[in-house]
Protein backbone atom coordinates (compact mmCIF):
# COMPACT_ATOMS: atom_id res chain seq x y z
CA MET A 1 71.97 -231.40 37.78
CA ASN A 2 71.05 -233.72 40.60
CA LEU A 3 69.86 -232.57 44.02
CA SER A 4 73.20 -233.37 45.65
CA SER A 5 74.93 -230.96 43.29
CA LEU A 6 72.26 -228.35 43.93
CA ARG A 7 72.80 -228.56 47.67
CA ARG A 8 76.57 -228.09 47.22
CA LEU A 9 75.96 -225.07 45.02
CA LEU A 10 73.58 -223.43 47.48
CA ARG A 11 76.25 -223.46 50.21
CA VAL A 12 78.24 -220.79 48.32
CA CYS A 13 75.78 -219.36 45.78
CA VAL A 14 72.53 -217.38 45.74
CA PRO A 15 70.12 -218.55 43.01
CA TYR A 16 68.15 -216.07 40.94
CA VAL A 17 66.26 -215.84 37.64
CA GLY A 18 68.20 -214.51 34.63
CA SER A 19 66.86 -212.30 31.84
CA SER A 20 65.54 -215.24 29.85
CA GLY A 21 63.69 -216.65 32.85
CA LEU A 22 66.30 -219.34 33.57
CA LEU A 23 67.83 -220.49 36.81
CA VAL A 24 71.34 -219.15 37.46
CA ALA A 25 73.30 -218.38 40.62
CA SER A 26 75.66 -215.71 41.90
CA CYS A 27 78.52 -217.18 43.95
CA ALA A 28 80.81 -215.51 46.46
CA LYS A 29 83.55 -217.91 45.34
CA ALA A 30 83.96 -220.30 42.46
CA PRO A 31 82.04 -223.55 42.99
CA ASP A 32 83.66 -226.94 42.69
CA SER A 33 85.51 -227.28 39.41
CA GLY A 34 83.76 -229.30 36.75
CA LEU A 35 80.29 -229.18 38.26
CA PHE A 36 79.03 -225.96 36.74
CA ASP A 37 79.82 -223.59 33.89
CA SER A 38 80.99 -220.21 35.14
CA GLY A 39 79.71 -217.12 33.40
CA GLY A 40 81.43 -214.64 35.73
CA THR A 41 84.70 -212.96 34.88
CA THR A 42 85.41 -210.82 37.93
CA GLY A 43 84.06 -210.45 41.43
CA ALA A 44 81.11 -212.74 42.13
CA HIS A 45 80.87 -215.85 39.95
CA VAL A 46 77.70 -216.43 37.94
CA VAL A 47 76.93 -220.03 37.11
CA VAL A 48 74.30 -221.87 35.10
CA ILE A 49 72.60 -224.49 37.23
CA GLY A 50 72.33 -227.85 35.57
CA GLY A 51 75.38 -227.90 33.31
CA GLY A 52 73.91 -225.68 30.56
CA GLU A 53 75.86 -223.47 28.20
CA SER A 54 76.37 -219.74 28.42
CA SER A 55 76.52 -217.74 25.20
CA GLY A 56 75.97 -214.28 23.86
CA GLY A 57 78.11 -212.30 26.29
CA SER A 58 79.89 -212.54 29.60
CA GLU A 59 78.38 -211.81 32.97
CA SER A 60 79.40 -208.73 34.92
CA SER A 61 79.93 -208.88 38.66
CA GLY A 62 76.62 -209.73 40.28
CA GLY A 63 74.87 -210.28 36.96
CA SER A 64 73.16 -206.91 36.98
CA GLU A 65 73.09 -205.93 33.33
CA ASN A 66 70.48 -207.06 30.83
CA SER A 67 71.83 -206.87 27.29
CA GLY A 68 69.45 -209.13 25.42
CA GLY A 69 65.86 -208.79 26.57
CA SER A 70 63.29 -206.90 28.56
CA GLU A 71 62.94 -207.08 32.30
CA ASN A 72 59.70 -207.65 34.17
CA SER A 73 60.16 -205.49 37.25
CA GLY A 74 57.26 -205.46 39.66
CA GLY A 75 54.58 -207.54 38.00
CA SER A 76 53.38 -210.37 40.14
CA GLU A 77 51.66 -213.54 39.16
CA ASN A 78 48.47 -214.83 40.79
CA SER A 79 49.00 -217.92 42.82
CA GLY A 80 45.90 -219.91 43.64
CA GLY A 81 46.98 -223.51 43.33
CA SER A 82 50.08 -225.54 44.12
CA GLU A 83 52.73 -226.38 41.49
CA ASN A 84 52.95 -229.99 40.29
CA SER A 85 49.77 -230.90 42.14
CA GLY A 86 48.22 -234.11 40.90
CA GLY A 87 50.97 -234.97 38.42
CA THR A 88 54.67 -235.64 38.14
CA SER A 89 57.17 -233.06 39.22
CA ASN A 90 60.27 -232.19 37.22
CA ALA A 91 62.69 -235.06 37.43
CA GLY A 92 66.20 -234.34 38.58
CA GLY A 93 66.34 -230.56 38.51
CA PRO A 94 64.83 -227.27 39.54
CA SER A 95 62.20 -225.40 37.55
CA LEU A 96 60.39 -222.07 37.51
CA GLY A 97 57.19 -221.86 39.55
CA ARG A 98 54.51 -219.25 39.15
CA GLY A 99 55.81 -215.70 39.47
CA GLY A 100 59.44 -216.70 38.92
CA ALA A 101 59.97 -218.71 42.10
CA LEU A 102 62.79 -221.26 41.84
CA VAL A 103 61.27 -224.65 42.51
CA ALA A 104 63.14 -227.91 42.99
CA GLY A 105 61.22 -230.89 41.67
CA GLY A 106 60.83 -233.94 43.84
CA GLY A 107 61.10 -236.64 41.15
CA ASN A 108 58.44 -238.55 39.31
CA GLY A 109 55.13 -238.84 41.09
CA SER A 110 55.96 -236.40 43.88
CA SER A 111 53.13 -234.33 45.32
CA ALA A 112 53.08 -230.58 45.90
CA GLY A 113 54.15 -231.19 49.49
CA ALA A 114 57.54 -232.48 48.33
CA ARG A 115 58.32 -229.18 46.64
CA ALA A 116 61.23 -227.04 47.82
CA SER A 117 61.22 -223.38 46.84
CA PHE A 118 64.37 -221.28 46.43
CA GLY A 119 64.63 -217.57 45.82
CA GLY A 120 61.18 -216.33 46.76
CA SER A 121 57.48 -217.01 47.05
CA ASP A 122 55.59 -218.55 44.13
CA ALA A 123 53.12 -215.69 44.42
CA GLY A 124 55.45 -212.68 44.50
CA GLY A 125 58.65 -213.16 42.53
CA ALA A 126 58.93 -211.34 39.23
CA ALA A 127 60.00 -213.48 36.29
CA THR A 128 62.01 -212.10 33.39
CA ALA A 129 60.75 -212.82 29.92
CA GLY A 130 61.96 -215.16 27.26
CA GLY A 131 63.39 -218.18 29.02
CA ARG A 132 62.20 -221.71 29.45
CA ALA A 133 62.78 -224.40 32.06
CA SER A 134 63.95 -227.90 31.24
CA ALA A 135 61.66 -230.64 32.54
CA SER A 136 64.44 -233.03 33.44
CA GLY A 137 67.87 -231.52 33.46
CA GLY A 138 69.94 -228.45 32.90
CA MET A 139 69.02 -225.01 31.67
CA LEU A 140 70.46 -222.88 28.88
CA VAL A 141 71.32 -219.19 29.27
CA SER A 142 71.47 -217.07 26.11
CA GLY A 143 73.01 -213.64 26.53
CA SER A 144 73.93 -211.84 29.69
CA SER A 145 71.94 -212.30 32.83
CA GLY A 146 69.45 -209.56 33.72
CA ARG A 147 68.55 -208.15 37.09
CA MET A 148 65.84 -209.89 39.02
CA GLY A 149 62.76 -207.66 39.13
CA MET A 150 61.27 -206.49 42.39
CA ALA A 151 58.17 -208.41 43.34
CA GLY A 152 54.91 -206.54 43.06
CA ASP A 153 51.92 -206.85 45.33
CA THR A 154 50.75 -210.43 45.49
CA ALA A 155 47.21 -210.89 44.22
CA MET A 156 44.81 -212.49 46.66
CA ALA A 157 44.06 -216.05 45.65
CA GLY A 158 40.54 -217.41 45.56
CA ALA A 159 39.63 -220.83 46.85
CA GLY A 160 41.19 -223.37 44.53
CA GLY A 161 42.51 -220.97 41.91
CA ALA A 162 43.78 -217.57 40.93
CA ALA A 163 42.10 -214.48 42.34
CA PRO A 164 39.17 -213.48 40.10
CA ALA A 165 39.27 -210.13 38.34
CA PRO A 166 36.91 -207.61 39.99
CA CYS A 167 33.66 -206.29 38.50
CA GLN A 168 33.45 -208.73 35.57
CA GLY A 169 29.98 -210.23 35.86
CA PRO A 170 26.99 -209.05 33.81
CA HIS A 171 25.25 -206.02 35.39
CA VAL A 172 27.36 -206.44 38.52
CA LEU A 173 26.79 -204.01 41.38
CA ASP A 174 29.67 -205.32 43.48
CA ASP A 175 31.58 -208.59 43.74
CA MET A 176 33.97 -207.24 46.43
CA GLU A 177 37.07 -208.55 44.64
CA ASP A 178 38.62 -205.07 44.45
CA HIS A 179 38.70 -205.10 48.28
CA ASP A 180 37.39 -201.56 48.82
CA ASN A 181 34.19 -199.94 50.10
CA SER A 182 32.99 -198.77 46.67
CA ILE A 183 30.61 -200.65 44.42
CA CYS A 184 31.70 -201.42 40.87
CA LYS A 185 31.76 -198.35 38.66
CA VAL A 186 30.17 -200.10 35.69
CA ASP A 187 26.82 -199.70 33.92
CA GLY A 188 26.83 -196.04 34.99
CA HIS A 189 26.38 -196.45 38.74
CA ILE A 190 28.45 -195.28 41.70
CA GLY A 191 28.17 -195.73 45.47
CA THR A 192 29.74 -196.98 48.71
CA TRP A 193 28.93 -199.54 51.39
CA TRP A 194 27.70 -198.58 54.88
CA THR A 195 26.10 -199.96 58.06
CA THR A 196 23.36 -198.58 60.30
CA ASN A 197 21.21 -199.83 63.19
CA ASP A 198 18.42 -198.91 65.59
CA GLY A 199 20.77 -197.66 68.33
CA THR A 200 19.66 -200.14 71.01
CA SER A 201 23.07 -201.88 71.00
CA THR A 202 26.63 -200.84 70.18
CA SER A 203 27.69 -204.30 69.03
CA GLN A 204 27.44 -203.96 65.25
CA GLN A 205 30.67 -204.36 63.31
CA PRO A 206 31.65 -202.51 61.24
CA ALA A 207 30.13 -199.76 63.35
CA PRO A 208 27.98 -197.12 61.63
CA GLY A 209 30.13 -194.31 60.27
CA LYS A 210 33.19 -196.56 59.96
CA SER A 211 34.68 -197.81 56.72
CA VAL A 212 33.03 -201.00 55.46
CA VAL A 213 35.43 -203.13 53.43
CA PRO A 214 35.26 -206.73 52.20
CA GLN A 215 36.57 -209.56 54.36
CA ARG A 216 38.49 -212.62 53.24
CA VAL A 217 36.46 -215.75 52.44
CA THR A 218 37.89 -219.24 52.07
CA ASP A 219 34.74 -221.36 51.75
CA ARG A 220 33.30 -220.11 48.46
CA PRO A 221 35.09 -221.22 45.27
CA GLY A 222 35.58 -218.39 42.82
CA SER A 223 35.44 -215.66 45.45
CA SER A 224 38.17 -214.19 47.63
CA PHE A 225 36.25 -211.44 49.45
CA ALA A 226 32.71 -210.68 50.64
CA MET A 227 31.00 -208.09 52.84
CA ARG A 228 30.17 -209.01 56.43
CA THR A 229 28.40 -207.49 59.41
CA THR A 230 28.04 -208.92 62.92
CA GLY A 231 26.25 -207.96 66.13
CA ASP A 232 23.66 -208.87 68.76
CA GLY A 233 21.29 -207.35 71.30
CA PHE A 234 19.26 -205.02 69.07
CA THR A 235 15.70 -204.70 70.33
CA ALA A 236 13.93 -202.36 67.86
CA TRP A 237 14.07 -202.73 64.06
CA GLY A 238 17.56 -204.23 63.88
CA ALA A 239 20.85 -203.68 62.03
CA THR A 240 21.55 -203.08 58.34
CA LEU A 241 24.35 -203.60 55.82
CA GLY A 242 23.84 -201.72 52.56
CA PHE A 243 25.21 -199.57 49.76
CA ASP A 244 24.23 -196.55 47.67
CA VAL A 245 23.39 -196.85 43.97
CA ARG A 246 23.42 -193.63 41.98
CA ALA A 247 23.86 -192.30 38.48
CA SER A 248 25.73 -189.36 40.06
CA ALA A 249 26.16 -187.89 43.53
CA ALA A 250 22.71 -186.25 43.31
CA GLN A 251 20.82 -188.45 40.84
CA PRO A 252 19.01 -191.76 41.40
CA TYR A 253 19.86 -194.74 39.21
CA ASP A 254 17.47 -195.91 36.51
CA ALA A 255 17.17 -199.68 36.93
CA SER A 256 14.12 -200.05 34.69
CA ALA A 257 16.08 -202.26 32.26
CA PHE A 258 16.28 -204.90 34.99
CA GLY A 259 13.68 -207.15 36.60
CA ALA A 260 15.47 -208.46 39.68
CA ILE A 261 18.50 -208.30 41.93
CA THR A 262 20.61 -211.35 42.75
CA PHE A 263 23.27 -212.04 45.39
CA PHE A 264 24.97 -214.74 47.43
CA ALA A 265 24.62 -214.77 51.22
CA LYS A 266 25.10 -216.89 54.33
CA GLY A 267 24.52 -216.62 58.08
CA PRO A 268 24.24 -217.60 60.80
CA VAL A 269 21.15 -215.46 61.22
CA LEU A 270 18.53 -216.94 63.57
CA GLY A 271 15.51 -215.57 61.76
CA THR A 272 14.95 -213.54 58.60
CA ILE A 273 16.58 -210.63 56.83
CA ARG A 274 14.77 -208.00 54.79
CA VAL A 275 16.24 -207.18 51.39
CA SER A 276 15.08 -203.75 50.23
CA LEU A 277 15.71 -201.33 47.39
CA ARG A 278 15.64 -197.71 48.47
CA VAL A 279 14.01 -195.25 46.12
CA ASN A 280 14.49 -191.51 46.01
CA ASP A 281 11.10 -190.21 47.13
CA ILE A 282 10.91 -192.21 50.39
CA THR A 283 14.60 -191.98 51.34
CA PRO A 284 15.30 -189.10 53.77
CA GLN A 285 17.40 -186.20 52.58
CA ALA A 286 20.00 -187.10 55.23
CA TYR A 287 20.53 -190.40 53.37
CA GLY A 288 20.63 -188.93 49.88
CA GLY A 289 16.94 -189.04 49.00
CA SER A 290 14.37 -186.31 48.51
CA CYS A 291 11.94 -187.24 51.29
CA VAL A 292 11.40 -184.66 54.03
CA GLU A 293 11.54 -186.68 57.23
CA SER A 294 9.05 -184.49 59.08
CA SER A 295 6.41 -185.48 56.52
CA GLY A 296 6.14 -188.93 58.05
CA SER A 297 6.29 -190.66 54.67
CA CYS A 298 9.98 -191.59 54.67
CA TYR A 299 11.50 -195.06 55.13
CA HIS A 300 9.31 -198.18 54.85
CA TYR A 301 11.27 -199.24 51.78
CA HIS A 302 10.15 -201.71 49.14
CA GLY A 303 11.52 -205.13 50.02
CA ILE A 304 10.97 -208.76 50.89
CA GLU A 305 11.79 -210.90 53.93
CA MET A 306 13.66 -214.18 53.57
CA PRO A 307 15.55 -216.71 55.70
CA ILE A 308 19.29 -217.09 55.19
CA THR A 309 21.10 -220.42 55.48
CA ASP A 310 24.39 -220.97 57.31
CA SER A 311 26.09 -221.95 54.04
CA TRP A 312 26.62 -219.89 50.90
CA ALA A 313 23.57 -219.89 48.64
CA PRO A 314 22.30 -217.74 45.74
CA TYR A 315 19.20 -215.57 46.20
CA THR A 316 17.11 -213.62 43.69
CA VAL A 317 14.60 -210.88 44.52
CA THR A 318 12.30 -209.89 41.68
CA PHE A 319 11.14 -206.30 41.44
CA ASP A 320 7.48 -207.35 41.19
CA SER A 321 7.77 -209.08 44.60
CA LEU A 322 8.80 -205.88 46.40
CA VAL A 323 6.27 -204.31 48.78
CA ARG A 324 6.56 -201.37 51.14
CA GLU A 325 7.09 -202.26 54.76
CA ASN A 326 4.26 -202.08 57.30
CA ASP A 327 1.59 -202.04 54.57
CA TRP A 328 2.42 -198.58 53.29
CA ASP A 329 1.06 -197.78 49.85
CA GLY A 330 3.10 -197.07 46.76
CA ALA A 331 4.49 -199.19 43.95
CA PHE A 332 8.21 -199.67 43.47
CA ASP A 333 9.69 -197.34 40.85
CA PRO A 334 12.87 -198.87 39.36
CA LYS A 335 13.82 -195.54 37.77
CA GLN A 336 14.39 -194.00 41.20
CA VAL A 337 16.83 -196.44 42.89
CA VAL A 338 19.28 -194.86 45.37
CA GLY A 339 20.37 -197.87 47.43
CA VAL A 340 20.17 -201.55 48.37
CA GLU A 341 20.05 -202.82 51.95
CA PHE A 342 20.20 -206.11 53.84
CA ARG A 343 18.61 -205.74 57.28
CA ILE A 344 18.72 -208.26 60.11
CA ASN A 345 15.17 -208.13 61.48
CA ASN A 346 13.82 -208.43 64.98
CA PRO A 347 13.91 -211.02 66.58
CA ALA A 348 17.01 -212.22 64.68
CA CYS A 349 18.84 -209.04 65.64
CA THR A 350 18.31 -209.67 69.35
CA GLN A 351 20.63 -212.69 69.16
CA SER A 352 24.18 -213.06 67.85
CA PHE A 353 24.23 -212.79 64.05
CA THR A 354 26.75 -212.82 61.22
CA LEU A 355 25.60 -211.88 57.75
CA TRP A 356 27.82 -212.33 54.68
CA VAL A 357 26.89 -210.87 51.27
CA ASP A 358 28.68 -211.38 47.95
CA ASP A 359 28.28 -210.97 44.18
CA VAL A 360 25.37 -208.52 44.07
CA ALA A 361 24.03 -207.83 40.56
CA PHE A 362 20.99 -206.69 38.67
CA VAL A 363 19.22 -209.22 36.45
CA ALA A 364 18.08 -208.11 33.01
CA LYS A 365 14.42 -208.53 32.10
C-alpha cells in the first residue's frame, strides 16, 4: 500500500493491531472498491491494510473476538530510542513500532523525524502476539482479528535507551530506578531515604519529615532517576540527605563482607560534602541507634570529606579511610551499620547547593 492509499483509508477507518500483531482497520463504511480486502461481514468493515489476504475466519462487527491466539492486554514496552533511527525506514508501507504503535515509514533513508505514528504512542500501546510486519508492502492476517489490549503504564526511559531494571547491580543499596523512597531489598537489607538539617534555615527540599523520592535525570546514560536535595542559608553544621540500612527494623546491618561504598554524585556544591556511615552505638535512639543522647557520645559519625564536581562522577569511600568527626575516638565497626548519609558541610551549606546521588552500592573486599 502506498501512502496515498493509506491517507484515503484513514478518512473513513480507524487503524488498530489485530491478534497476530498486524495492521488492520475498522471502517464506518466500506472503503473504495478494489483498494483493500474487506474482512467485515456486518456493521463496521474490517480491512487489511496493504492488500494482504484474510483467512481463517471472518471478522465480527468491530473486530472484537480473538479466535486464534492470545491477547496481550496491559503489558507495555519500554521506549528509550526512536524507531528507524540511523537506518532506512520501511519502504512504502506502515509497520509496527515498539509497544504496538502503528508507524508509517518514510521511505529509504528517512530519519526518525520523518516518522508518522497512528493508533497510539510507541511507548504505551499493547501489541498482540504472533504477527509480523512486512518491510516493504502489505500485511497478512491469519484468523480473526483480536481486540487491541489496553496500554499499561509506560516505563520511564533512560537516556539513550530503555529504562534499566531496578536493583540489579552487585551489592546495590539503591539505584533509584524503582522510583520510591525505599532502598533495594536485596542482600538482606531494608531502609528508607530521609533528609535532615541544623534548623538554621527552612530552605531544604525535600524538607525533613517529608517523603524523599527519586527525581528524573536526563544527563546520565543508563540512569533514569536519582536522589536530590537542595537548599541554602544554613549556618551551623549543614543539611543532610541519607538513608537507613538495617537487617531488620531493630537490627543493624553486618557489612563486614565489604570494604568500601561507592556512588555517583554531582553538584553544584560550593565546598565539600561529608560521606558518613552511621553505626549503632553512636546513633541516637531517636534515629534508630542505641546511643543515649544525654551521654554526650552520640553523633560524630565515621566519614570522610570530599569535593563534588558539577558533572556526574563516580566516588568510592573505603572503610579504612573512615574517621569519627571532630577527632572523636573509636574505630569503625562494619558489623553495626544503621545508615549512610551525605551532608553538605559549612560553608558550602551557607550558599545555594544542589546535591544529586545515584547508584549507591557496597564494594566487596
